[in-house]
Amino acid sequence: MQPRDMNWVVAGKRYRTDTATLVAHDACWNNCNWEHDGRNTFLFRTSQGRFFAQYQTLAPCETDTIKPLDTGEALHLYQSLGKKEVPFVVIFPCSIEDA
């Protein structure tokens, strides 16, 4: 499963998957399929440095969603996702200095 083009406004801020950078995701081959129980999570970062997650589902009664994340939530999600598209030090440069 690949990220879908989505354009959402949450609390007055626009989140677009087609203009944000895909940072990490869990769409990894598990010897059967790319979906994990019909669901995938994609972590994005906007050009303004805001993070958001795209949650996709194959369930017919559910809808794909976008959720804005603060840096701490994004850091936790990044660490939990199996496929990293961008290295940690590039996405969270201040986190290393703060540690």
Protein backbone atom coordinates (compact mmCIF):
# COMPACT_ATOMS: atom_id res chain seq x y z
CA MET A 1 0.00 0.00 0.00
CA GLN A 2 1.32 3.42 -0.93
CA PRO A 3 0.30 6.74 0.61
CA ARG A 4 -2.80 8.20 -0.99
CA ASP A 5 -3.05 11.80 -2.07
CA MET A 6 -5.02 13.53 0.64
CA ASN A 7 -5.69 17.19 1.37
CA TRP A 8 -7.13 17.88 4.83
CA VAL A 9 -7.61 20.96 6.94
CA VAL A 10 -7.35 20.44 10.69
CA ALA A 11 -7.67 23.34 13.13
CA GLY A 12 -7.15 25.80 10.28
CA LYS A 13 -3.95 24.18 8.99
CA ARG A 14 -3.73 22.36 5.67
CA TYR A 15 -2.03 18.95 5.48
CA ARG A 16 -1.27 17.60 1.98
CA THR A 17 0.41 14.28 1.35
CA ASP A 18 1.42 15.31 -2.18
CA THR A 19 3.56 18.23 -0.99
CA ALA A 20 4.86 16.84 2.32
CA THR A 21 7.88 14.55 2.73
CA LEU A 22 7.19 10.92 3.52
CA VAL A 23 9.41 10.22 6.53
CA ALA A 24 8.53 6.66 7.59
CA HIS A 25 5.83 4.03 7.20
CA ASP A 26 4.87 0.44 7.94
CA ALA A 27 4.06 -0.65 4.37
CA CYS A 28 6.63 -3.44 4.40
CA TRP A 29 6.33 -6.85 2.78
CA ASN A 30 5.47 -9.47 5.42
CA ASN A 31 5.77 -12.50 3.08
CA CYS A 32 2.05 -12.22 2.36
CA ASN A 33 1.10 -8.61 1.57
CA TRP A 34 2.00 -4.95 2.14
CA GLU A 35 -0.93 -4.22 4.43
CA HIS A 36 -0.89 -5.02 8.12
CA ASP A 37 -4.36 -6.30 8.93
CA GLY A 38 -5.65 -4.02 6.15
CA ARG A 39 -4.11 -0.91 7.68
CA ASN A 40 -1.00 1.18 7.10
CA THR A 41 0.48 4.24 8.75
CA PHE A 42 2.54 6.89 6.97
CA LEU A 43 4.43 9.67 8.77
CA PHE A 44 4.91 12.95 6.91
CA ARG A 45 6.65 16.26 7.55
CA THR A 46 5.52 19.48 5.89
CA SER A 47 7.87 22.09 4.46
CA GLN A 48 7.05 24.19 7.56
CA GLY A 49 8.29 21.37 9.81
CA ARG A 50 4.89 20.17 11.02
CA PHE A 51 4.29 16.44 11.36
CA PHE A 52 1.20 14.44 10.54
CA ALA A 53 0.24 10.82 10.16
CA GLN A 54 -1.89 9.34 7.43
CA TYR A 55 -3.81 6.28 8.55
CA GLN A 56 -5.08 4.14 5.67
CA THR A 57 -7.51 1.28 5.84
CA LEU A 58 -8.92 -1.28 3.44
CA ALA A 59 -12.02 -1.75 5.61
CA PRO A 60 -15.10 -0.71 3.62
CA CYS A 61 -16.80 0.88 6.63
CA GLU A 62 -13.79 3.01 7.65
CA THR A 63 -12.19 6.11 6.16
CA ASP A 64 -8.56 7.09 5.67
CA THR A 65 -7.60 9.91 8.04
CA ILE A 66 -4.88 12.44 8.70
CA LYS A 67 -3.86 13.38 12.23
CA PRO A 68 -1.53 16.27 13.09
CA LEU A 69 1.26 15.27 15.50
CA ASP A 70 3.47 17.23 17.82
CA THR A 71 7.21 16.51 17.67
CA GLY A 72 7.09 14.04 20.57
CA GLU A 73 4.27 12.06 18.97
CA ALA A 74 6.08 12.11 15.62
CA LEU A 75 9.31 10.91 17.25
CA HIS A 76 7.51 8.03 18.92
CA LEU A 77 5.71 7.08 15.71
CA TYR A 78 8.94 7.30 13.69
CA GLN A 79 10.63 4.87 16.06
CA SER A 80 7.71 2.43 15.86
CA LEU A 81 7.45 2.33 12.05
CA GLY A 82 9.49 -0.29 10.23
CA LYS A 83 10.50 1.52 7.05
CA LYS A 84 12.45 4.78 7.36
CA GLU A 85 12.53 6.93 4.23
CA VAL A 86 14.54 9.76 5.80
CA PRO A 87 17.30 9.30 8.41
CA PHE A 88 16.53 10.20 12.02
CA VAL A 89 19.20 12.94 12.20
CA VAL A 90 17.68 14.72 9.21
CA ILE A 91 14.14 14.70 10.57
CA PHE A 92 14.88 15.26 14.27
CA PRO A 93 18.22 17.16 14.39
CA CYS A 94 17.36 18.91 17.68
CA SER A 95 16.44 15.63 19.39
CA ILE A 96 20.06 14.48 19.32
CA GLU A 97 21.29 17.72 20.88
CA ASP A 98 18.57 17.54 23.54
CA ALA A 99 19.41 13.94 24.50
